[in-house]
C-alpha atoms as a PDB file:
ATOM      1  CA  MET A   1     -43.870 -67.513 -47.699  1.00  0.00           C
ATOM      2  CA  ASN A   2     -44.415 -70.488 -45.566  1.00  0.00           C
ATOM      3  CA  THR A   3     -48.182 -71.312 -45.367  1.00  0.00           C
ATOM      4  CA  GLN A   4     -47.613 -72.877 -41.937  1.00  0.00           C
ATOM      5  CA  THR A   5     -46.939 -69.503 -40.433  1.00  0.00           C
ATOM      6  CA  ILE A   6     -50.334 -68.164 -41.866  1.00  0.00           C
ATOM      7  CA  LYS A   7     -52.223 -71.297 -40.509  1.00  0.00           C
ATOM      8  CA  SER A   8     -50.505 -70.742 -37.157  1.00  0.00           C
ATOM      9  CA  GLN A   9     -51.627 -67.103 -37.228  1.00  0.00           C
ATOM     10  CA  LEU A  10     -55.319 -67.918 -38.289  1.00  0.00           C
ATOM     11  CA  ARG A  11     -55.494 -70.466 -35.286  1.00  0.00           C
ATOM     12  CA  ILE A  12     -54.232 -68.067 -32.903  1.00  0.00           C
ATOM     13  CA  LEU A  13     -57.232 -65.565 -34.158  1.00  0.00           C
ATOM     14  CA  ARG A  14     -59.371 -68.471 -33.693  1.00  0.00           C
ATOM     15  CA  LEU A  15     -60.059 -68.643 -37.436  1.00  0.00           C
ATOM     16  CA  SER A  16     -59.788 -72.655 -37.495  1.00  0.00           C
ATOM     17  CA  THR A  17     -61.993 -73.114 -40.589  1.00  0.00           C
ATOM     18  CA  ALA A  18     -59.838 -70.765 -42.602  1.00  0.00           C
ATOM     19  CA  ALA A  19     -56.632 -72.486 -41.283  1.00  0.00           C
ATOM     20  CA  SER A  20     -57.977 -75.986 -42.188  1.00  0.00           C
ATOM     21  CA  GLU A  21     -59.231 -74.989 -45.565  1.00  0.00           C
ATOM     22  CA  MET A  22     -56.162 -72.855 -46.538  1.00  0.00           C
ATOM     23  CA  ASP A  23     -54.390 -75.395 -48.679  1.00  0.00           C
ATOM     24  CA  GLU A  24     -57.752 -76.367 -50.705  1.00  0.00           C
ATOM     25  CA  VAL A  25     -58.207 -72.792 -51.407  1.00  0.00           C
ATOM     26  CA  LEU A  26     -54.654 -72.200 -52.622  1.00  0.00           C
ATOM     27  CA  SER A  27     -54.713 -75.414 -54.626  1.00  0.00           C
ATOM     28  CA  LYS A  28     -57.400 -73.713 -56.747  1.00  0.00           C
ATOM     29  CA  SER A  29     -55.408 -70.853 -57.657  1.00  0.00           C
ATOM     30  CA  SER A  30     -54.176 -70.562 -61.064  1.00  0.00           C
ATOM     31  CA  SER A  31     -50.760 -69.125 -59.877  1.00  0.00           C
ATOM     32  CA  ALA A  32     -48.824 -68.889 -56.754  1.00  0.00           C
ATOM     33  CA  PRO A  33     -50.104 -65.949 -54.847  1.00  0.00           C
ATOM     34  CA  ASP A  34     -47.906 -63.644 -52.782  1.00  0.00           C
ATOM     35  CA  LEU A  35     -48.899 -64.186 -49.255  1.00  0.00           C
ATOM     36  CA  ASN A  36     -46.461 -61.831 -47.446  1.00  0.00           C
ATOM     37  CA  TRP A  37     -48.903 -59.077 -47.195  1.00  0.00           C
ATOM     38  CA  VAL A  38     -51.350 -61.609 -45.631  1.00  0.00           C
ATOM     39  CA  CYS A  39     -48.905 -62.672 -42.864  1.00  0.00           C
ATOM     40  CA  ASN A  40     -48.027 -58.946 -42.043  1.00  0.00           C
ATOM     41  CA  LEU A  41     -51.705 -58.109 -41.675  1.00  0.00           C
ATOM     42  CA  LEU A  42     -52.558 -61.093 -39.524  1.00  0.00           C
ATOM     43  CA  GLN A  43     -49.322 -60.561 -37.287  1.00  0.00           C
ATOM     44  CA  ARG A  44     -50.641 -56.862 -36.791  1.00  0.00           C
ATOM     45  CA  GLU A  45     -54.097 -58.300 -35.610  1.00  0.00           C
ATOM     46  CA  ILE A  46     -52.530 -60.651 -33.486  1.00  0.00           C
ATOM     47  CA  ASP A  47     -50.107 -57.995 -31.874  1.00  0.00           C
ATOM     48  CA  GLN A  48     -52.898 -55.770 -31.293  1.00  0.00           C
ATOM     49  CA  GLY A  49     -55.068 -58.268 -29.665  1.00  0.00           C
ATOM     50  CA  ARG A  50     -52.190 -59.184 -27.305  1.00  0.00           C
ATOM     51  CA  GLU A  51     -51.823 -55.381 -26.366  1.00  0.00           C
ATOM     52  CA  ASN A  52     -55.319 -55.046 -25.492  1.00  0.00           C
ATOM     53  CA  SER A  53     -55.222 -58.208 -23.485  1.00  0.00           C
ATOM     54  CA  LEU A  54     -52.297 -56.834 -21.681  1.00  0.00           C
ATOM     55  CA  GLN A  55     -53.911 -53.429 -20.899  1.00  0.00           C
ATOM     56  CA  ALA A  56     -57.290 -55.306 -19.827  1.00  0.00           C
ATOM     57  CA  ARG A  57     -55.049 -57.180 -17.298  1.00  0.00           C
ATOM     58  CA  ILE A  58     -53.429 -54.110 -16.082  1.00  0.00           C
ATOM     59  CA  ARG A  59     -56.607 -52.336 -15.594  1.00  0.00           C
ATOM     60  CA  ALA A  60     -58.377 -55.372 -13.864  1.00  0.00           C
ATOM     61  CA  SER A  61     -55.154 -55.529 -11.371  1.00  0.00           C
ATOM     62  CA  ARG A  62     -55.857 -51.997 -10.179  1.00  0.00           C
ATOM     63  CA  PHE A  63     -52.068 -51.240  -9.665  1.00  0.00           C
ATOM     64  CA  PRO A  64     -51.732 -47.778  -8.107  1.00  0.00           C
ATOM     65  CA  GLU A  65     -48.694 -47.377 -10.540  1.00  0.00           C
ATOM     66  CA  ILE A  66     -46.591 -49.350 -13.003  1.00  0.00           C
ATOM     67  CA  THR A  67     -43.082 -49.998 -11.620  1.00  0.00           C
ATOM     68  CA  SER A  68     -40.297 -52.336 -12.747  1.00  0.00           C
ATOM     69  CA  LEU A  69     -37.004 -53.917 -11.289  1.00  0.00           C
ATOM     70  CA  GLU A  70     -35.214 -51.592 -13.705  1.00  0.00           C
ATOM     71  CA  THR A  71     -36.333 -48.608 -12.118  1.00  0.00           C
ATOM     72  CA  PHE A  72     -35.566 -49.501  -8.660  1.00  0.00           C
ATOM     73  CA  ASP A  73     -32.255 -48.407  -7.147  1.00  0.00           C
ATOM     74  CA  PHE A  74     -30.912 -51.157  -5.241  1.00  0.00           C
ATOM     75  CA  LYS A  75     -27.714 -49.487  -4.434  1.00  0.00           C
ATOM     76  CA  PHE A  76     -29.553 -46.931  -2.378  1.00  0.00           C
ATOM     77  CA  ASN A  77     -30.581 -49.859   0.032  1.00  0.00           C
ATOM     78  CA  PRO A  78     -27.834 -52.549  -0.312  1.00  0.00           C
ATOM     79  CA  LYS A  79     -29.402 -54.709   2.593  1.00  0.00           C
ATOM     80  CA  ILE A  80     -32.262 -55.491   0.313  1.00  0.00           C
ATOM     81  CA  ASN A  81     -31.533 -58.975  -1.111  1.00  0.00           C
ATOM     82  CA  GLU A  82     -31.651 -58.092  -4.875  1.00  0.00           C
ATOM     83  CA  THR A  83     -30.783 -61.738  -5.823  1.00  0.00           C
ATOM     84  CA  LYS A  84     -33.902 -62.964  -4.208  1.00  0.00           C
ATOM     85  CA  ILE A  85     -36.071 -60.307  -5.568  1.00  0.00           C
ATOM     86  CA  ARG A  86     -34.908 -61.331  -9.196  1.00  0.00           C
ATOM     87  CA  GLU A  87     -35.576 -64.813  -8.251  1.00  0.00           C
ATOM     88  CA  LEU A  88     -39.039 -64.169  -7.243  1.00  0.00           C
ATOM     89  CA  ALA A  89     -39.316 -62.239 -10.621  1.00  0.00           C
ATOM     90  CA  GLN A  90     -38.975 -65.584 -12.259  1.00  0.00           C
ATOM     91  CA  LEU A  91     -42.491 -66.278 -10.862  1.00  0.00           C
ATOM     92  CA  THR A  92     -41.886 -69.984  -9.878  1.00  0.00           C
ATOM     93  CA  PHE A  93     -43.470 -68.972  -6.565  1.00  0.00           C
ATOM     94  CA  VAL A  94     -46.608 -68.052  -8.366  1.00  0.00           C
ATOM     95  CA  ASP A  95     -46.776 -71.356 -10.203  1.00  0.00           C
ATOM     96  CA  ARG A  96     -46.406 -73.009  -6.798  1.00  0.00           C
ATOM     97  CA  LYS A  97     -49.342 -70.728  -5.222  1.00  0.00           C
ATOM     98  CA  GLN A  98     -46.774 -69.881  -2.567  1.00  0.00           C
ATOM     99  CA  ILE A  99     -46.679 -66.747  -0.309  1.00  0.00           C
ATOM    100  CA  VAL A 100     -44.052 -64.127   0.086  1.00  0.00           C
ATOM    101  CA  LEU A 101     -43.851 -61.537   3.108  1.00  0.00           C
ATOM    102  CA  PHE A 102     -42.204 -58.158   2.459  1.00  0.00           C
ATOM    103  CA  LEU A 103     -41.657 -56.758   5.988  1.00  0.00           C
ATOM    104  CA  GLY A 104     -39.898 -53.552   7.015  1.00  0.00           C
ATOM    105  CA  PRO A 105     -40.387 -49.832   7.876  1.00  0.00           C
ATOM    106  CA  PRO A 106     -42.280 -47.473   5.426  1.00  0.00           C
ATOM    107  CA  GLY A 107     -40.626 -46.274   2.198  1.00  0.00           C
ATOM    108  CA  VAL A 108     -38.014 -48.977   1.797  1.00  0.00           C
ATOM    109  CA  GLY A 109     -39.317 -50.157  -1.566  1.00  0.00           C
ATOM    110  CA  LYS A 110     -41.699 -52.979  -0.545  1.00  0.00           C
ATOM    111  CA  THR A 111     -44.646 -51.732  -2.591  1.00  0.00           C
ATOM    112  CA  HIS A 112     -42.519 -50.810  -5.627  1.00  0.00           C
ATOM    113  CA  LEU A 113     -40.956 -54.451  -5.760  1.00  0.00           C
ATOM    114  CA  ALA A 114     -44.142 -56.063  -5.313  1.00  0.00           C
ATOM    115  CA  ILE A 115     -45.883 -54.170  -8.062  1.00  0.00           C
ATOM    116  CA  ALA A 116     -42.770 -54.673 -10.323  1.00  0.00           C
ATOM    117  CA  ILE A 117     -43.390 -58.608  -9.758  1.00  0.00           C
ATOM    118  CA  GLY A 118     -46.980 -58.323 -10.241  1.00  0.00           C
ATOM    119  CA  TYR A 119     -46.201 -56.359 -13.593  1.00  0.00           C
ATOM    120  CA  GLN A 120     -43.841 -59.180 -14.842  1.00  0.00           C
ATOM    121  CA  CYS A 121     -46.757 -61.650 -13.909  1.00  0.00           C
ATOM    122  CA  ILE A 122     -49.028 -59.764 -16.018  1.00  0.00           C
ATOM    123  CA  GLN A 123     -46.652 -59.552 -19.172  1.00  0.00           C
ATOM    124  CA  LEU A 124     -46.612 -63.328 -18.988  1.00  0.00           C
ATOM    125  CA  GLY A 125     -50.357 -63.490 -19.463  1.00  0.00           C
ATOM    126  CA  LYS A 126     -51.328 -64.084 -15.832  1.00  0.00           C
ATOM    127  CA  LYS A 127     -53.952 -62.224 -13.822  1.00  0.00           C
ATOM    128  CA  VAL A 128     -53.038 -60.235 -10.720  1.00  0.00           C
ATOM    129  CA  TYR A 129     -55.386 -58.569  -7.937  1.00  0.00           C
ATOM    130  CA  CYS A 130     -53.461 -55.661  -6.229  1.00  0.00           C
ATOM    131  CA  SER A 131     -55.070 -53.796  -2.981  1.00  0.00           C
ATOM    132  CA  THR A 132     -54.042 -52.181   0.354  1.00  0.00           C
ATOM    133  CA  VAL A 133     -55.651 -53.978   3.079  1.00  0.00           C
ATOM    134  CA  LYS A 134     -57.642 -50.882   3.648  1.00  0.00           C
ATOM    135  CA  LYS A 135     -59.206 -50.902   0.092  1.00  0.00           C
ATOM    136  CA  LEU A 136     -59.956 -54.580   0.471  1.00  0.00           C
ATOM    137  CA  ALA A 137     -61.728 -54.113   3.748  1.00  0.00           C
ATOM    138  CA  GLN A 138     -63.803 -51.353   2.175  1.00  0.00           C
ATOM    139  CA  ASP A 139     -64.562 -53.535  -0.826  1.00  0.00           C
ATOM    140  CA  ILE A 140     -65.652 -56.536   1.336  1.00  0.00           C
ATOM    141  CA  LEU A 141     -68.245 -54.157   3.168  1.00  0.00           C
ATOM    142  CA  MET A 142     -69.599 -52.715  -0.145  1.00  0.00           C
ATOM    143  CA  HIS A 143     -69.923 -56.135  -1.680  1.00  0.00           C
ATOM    144  CA  LYS A 144     -71.591 -57.508   1.475  1.00  0.00           C
ATOM    145  CA  ASN A 145     -74.171 -54.631   1.365  1.00  0.00           C
ATOM    146  CA  ARG A 146     -74.755 -55.278  -2.297  1.00  0.00           C
ATOM    147  CA  ASN A 147     -75.018 -58.933  -1.906  1.00  0.00           C
ATOM    148  CA  THR A 148     -72.215 -59.610  -4.390  1.00  0.00           C
ATOM    149  CA  LEU A 149     -69.388 -60.617  -2.155  1.00  0.00           C
ATOM    150  CA  ASP A 150     -69.278 -64.220  -3.516  1.00  0.00           C
ATOM    151  CA  LEU A 151     -68.860 -62.748  -7.044  1.00  0.00           C
ATOM    152  CA  PHE A 152     -66.026 -60.460  -5.619  1.00  0.00           C
ATOM    153  CA  PHE A 153     -64.214 -63.301  -4.094  1.00  0.00           C
ATOM    154  CA  ARG A 154     -64.484 -65.507  -7.164  1.00  0.00           C
ATOM    155  CA  ARG A 155     -62.898 -62.619  -9.095  1.00  0.00           C
ATOM    156  CA  ILE A 156     -59.914 -62.368  -6.664  1.00  0.00           C
ATOM    157  CA  LEU A 157     -59.507 -66.268  -6.628  1.00  0.00           C
ATOM    158  CA  SER A 158     -59.460 -66.111 -10.385  1.00  0.00           C
ATOM    159  CA  CYS A 159     -56.075 -64.318 -10.351  1.00  0.00           C
ATOM    160  CA  HIS A 160     -52.788 -66.138 -10.275  1.00  0.00           C
ATOM    161  CA  LEU A 161     -51.145 -63.544  -7.886  1.00  0.00           C
ATOM    162  CA  TRP A 162     -52.507 -61.425  -5.105  1.00  0.00           C
ATOM    163  CA  ILE A 163     -50.556 -58.164  -3.792  1.00  0.00           C
ATOM    164  CA  ILE A 164     -51.961 -57.141  -0.453  1.00  0.00           C
ATOM    165  CA  ASP A 165     -50.310 -54.085   0.767  1.00  0.00           C
ATOM    166  CA  ASP A 166     -49.928 -52.428   4.180  1.00  0.00           C
ATOM    167  CA  TRP A 167     -51.061 -55.343   6.072  1.00  0.00           C
ATOM    168  CA  ALA A 168     -51.983 -54.855   9.666  1.00  0.00           C
ATOM    169  CA  VAL A 169     -52.164 -51.085   9.209  1.00  0.00           C
ATOM    170  CA  LEU A 170     -55.525 -50.690  10.599  1.00  0.00           C
ATOM    171  CA  ALA A 171     -58.062 -52.405  12.910  1.00  0.00           C
ATOM    172  CA  MET A 172     -60.699 -54.580  11.456  1.00  0.00           C
ATOM    173  CA  GLN A 173     -64.359 -54.930  12.146  1.00  0.00           C
ATOM    174  CA  LYS A 174     -65.448 -58.432  13.081  1.00  0.00           C
ATOM    175  CA  THR A 175     -67.457 -58.837   9.793  1.00  0.00           C
ATOM    176  CA  VAL A 176     -64.334 -57.878   7.672  1.00  0.00           C
ATOM    177  CA  ALA A 177     -61.882 -59.990   9.818  1.00  0.00           C
ATOM    178  CA  GLU A 178     -64.163 -63.005   9.213  1.00  0.00           C
ATOM    179  CA  GLU A 179     -64.220 -62.668   5.576  1.00  0.00           C
ATOM    180  CA  ILE A 180     -60.510 -62.021   5.263  1.00  0.00           C
ATOM    181  CA  PHE A 181     -59.884 -65.118   7.183  1.00  0.00           C
ATOM    182  CA  ASP A 182     -62.119 -67.030   4.735  1.00  0.00           C
ATOM    183  CA  LEU A 183     -60.413 -65.429   1.641  1.00  0.00           C
ATOM    184  CA  MET A 184     -56.892 -66.449   3.300  1.00  0.00           C
ATOM    185  CA  ASP A 185     -58.295 -69.816   3.753  1.00  0.00           C
ATOM    186  CA  ARG A 186     -59.508 -70.441   0.039  1.00  0.00           C
ATOM    187  CA  ARG A 187     -56.348 -68.917  -1.306  1.00  0.00           C
ATOM    188  CA  LYS A 188     -54.040 -71.862  -0.797  1.00  0.00           C
ATOM    189  CA  ASN A 189     -55.477 -73.889  -3.879  1.00  0.00           C
ATOM    190  CA  HIS A 190     -56.071 -70.900  -6.061  1.00  0.00           C
ATOM    191  CA  SER A 191     -53.445 -68.119  -5.857  1.00  0.00           C
ATOM    192  CA  ALA A 192     -49.868 -67.077  -4.770  1.00  0.00           C
ATOM    193  CA  MET A 193     -49.541 -63.783  -2.728  1.00  0.00           C
ATOM    194  CA  ILE A 194     -47.156 -60.965  -1.890  1.00  0.00           C
ATOM    195  CA  LEU A 195     -48.064 -59.434   1.445  1.00  0.00           C
ATOM    196  CA  THR A 196     -46.234 -56.138   2.667  1.00  0.00           C
ATOM    197  CA  SER A 197     -46.442 -54.984   6.114  1.00  0.00           C
ATOM    198  CA  ASN A 198     -44.770 -52.065   7.925  1.00  0.00           C
ATOM    199  CA  ARG A 199     -45.889 -53.584  11.314  1.00  0.00           C
ATOM    200  CA  ASP A 200     -43.948 -56.139  13.387  1.00  0.00           C
ATOM    201  CA  ILE A 201     -45.304 -59.511  13.302  1.00  0.00           C
ATOM    202  CA  SER A 202     -45.991 -59.660  16.989  1.00  0.00           C
ATOM    203  CA  GLU A 203     -48.454 -56.687  16.516  1.00  0.00           C
ATOM    204  CA  TRP A 204     -50.508 -58.306  13.902  1.00  0.00           C
ATOM    205  CA  GLU A 205     -52.925 -59.981  16.190  1.00  0.00           C
ATOM    206  CA  GLN A 206     -53.834 -56.522  17.538  1.00  0.00           C
ATOM    207  CA  VAL A 207     -55.680 -55.595  14.399  1.00  0.00           C
ATOM    208  CA  PHE A 208     -58.167 -58.340  14.876  1.00  0.00           C
ATOM    209  CA  PRO A 209     -61.292 -58.406  17.074  1.00  0.00           C
ATOM    210  CA  ASP A 210     -60.935 -61.978  18.147  1.00  0.00           C
ATOM    211  CA  VAL A 211     -57.627 -63.770  19.163  1.00  0.00           C
ATOM    212  CA  ILE A 212     -58.643 -67.064  17.763  1.00  0.00           C
ATOM    213  CA  LEU A 213     -59.522 -65.573  14.375  1.00  0.00           C
ATOM    214  CA  ALA A 214     -56.215 -63.642  14.448  1.00  0.00           C
ATOM    215  CA  GLN A 215     -54.133 -66.624  15.106  1.00  0.00           C
ATOM    216  CA  ALA A 216     -56.020 -68.845  12.330  1.00  0.00           C
ATOM    217  CA  THR A 217     -55.638 -65.927   9.861  1.00  0.00           C
ATOM    218  CA  VAL A 218     -51.889 -65.436  10.725  1.00  0.00           C
ATOM    219  CA  ASP A 219     -51.342 -69.180  10.531  1.00  0.00           C
ATOM    220  CA  ARG A 220     -52.652 -69.284   6.786  1.00  0.00           C
ATOM    221  CA  ILE A 221     -50.668 -66.187   5.879  1.00  0.00           C
ATOM    222  CA  PHE A 222     -47.417 -68.059   7.028  1.00  0.00           C
ATOM    223  CA  ASP A 223     -48.286 -71.252   5.400  1.00  0.00           C
ATOM    224  CA  ARG A 224     -45.178 -71.942   3.145  1.00  0.00           C
ATOM    225  CA  ALA A 225     -44.269 -68.308   3.283  1.00  0.00           C
ATOM    226  CA  ASP A 226     -40.936 -66.978   2.265  1.00  0.00           C
ATOM    227  CA  THR A 227     -40.020 -63.862   4.251  1.00  0.00           C
ATOM    228  CA  LEU A 228     -37.958 -60.919   3.074  1.00  0.00           C
ATOM    229  CA  ILE A 229     -36.770 -58.202   5.489  1.00  0.00           C
ATOM    230  CA  PHE A 230     -36.393 -54.828   4.043  1.00  0.00           C
ATOM    231  CA  GLU A 231     -33.977 -52.478   5.995  1.00  0.00           C
ATOM    232  CA  GLY A 232     -32.577 -49.039   5.271  1.00  0.00           C
ATOM    233  CA  GLU A 233     -33.480 -45.499   4.527  1.00  0.00           C
ATOM    234  CA  SER A 234     -36.678 -44.686   2.973  1.00  0.00           C
ATOM    235  CA  TYR A 235     -36.485 -44.880  -0.557  1.00  0.00           C
ATOM    236  CA  ARG A 236     -39.839 -42.928  -1.020  1.00  0.00           C
ATOM    237  CA  LEU A 237     -38.028 -39.978   0.443  1.00  0.00           C
ATOM    238  CA  LYS A 238     -34.823 -40.262  -1.249  1.00  0.00           C
ATOM    239  CA  ASN A 239     -35.203 -37.338  -3.822  1.00  0.00           C
ATOM    240  CA  ARG A 240     -37.058 -35.187  -1.287  1.00  0.00           C
ATOM    241  CA  ILE A 241     -34.013 -35.460   1.135  1.00  0.00           C
ATOM    242  CA  GLN A 242     -31.400 -34.862  -1.686  1.00  0.00           C
ATOM    243  CA  LEU A 243     -33.513 -31.762  -2.690  1.00  0.00           C
ATOM    244  CA  PHE A 244     -33.644 -30.572   0.987  1.00  0.00           C
ATOM    245  CA  GLN A 245     -29.908 -30.806   1.398  1.00  0.00           C
ATOM    246  CA  GLU A 246     -29.016 -28.928  -1.912  1.00  0.00           C
ATOM    247  CA  PRO A 247     -27.340 -25.792  -0.987  1.00  0.00           C
ATOM    248  CA  PRO A 248     -29.370 -22.564  -2.042  1.00  0.00           C
ATOM    249  CA  LYS A 249     -28.390 -21.102  -5.321  1.00  0.00           C
END
């Protein structure tokens, strides 16, 4: 057994003293010990720690469900740019803190693919914040009332990727709109973002109580943004439509 492997495992587990003094302890042994069982035991501890960390990141992300690219039927809507989606799944845009816009009608797979990319991000040890814009607005009001909004924003800004779903689906109160502008303004130097919307871009300003605030917020959303247009039939209703069309037995 290579003792360097065990030293590396000990350092991963933050047992630096054990790693640095291992050679000295072994040199005092009268016979060469079998270290295979030690290596296997430490590896189990490391694997469990990684799994615990993964599950903690999944819980913190607040995904409504776990999806993947493998479970998405690209053949159902061939107009969706599969090549571009798989390129985004490489997460270069996350490292560059860029924005990706998924635009198109309801049910065509925007949320599924956004979460799939987010889950890919989490598997690589990164943190993700996922929320509908309605839930974000509710959380902003709740934290303002509790005087914890700064802590809430710090948690969001600590994430490598934001997924904001159903943008422009409802009108915003002035207080919420101002805070969302502040959040979008601060995002640039902290996080990447995937934003999905069923509404035409020309309608986005209508959900804001103030034209200037609307323009300023939209301007920040389109900063270095990569836009993907989703077209086709409703992926969400696919199985229901097939079931409806089946002849009675």
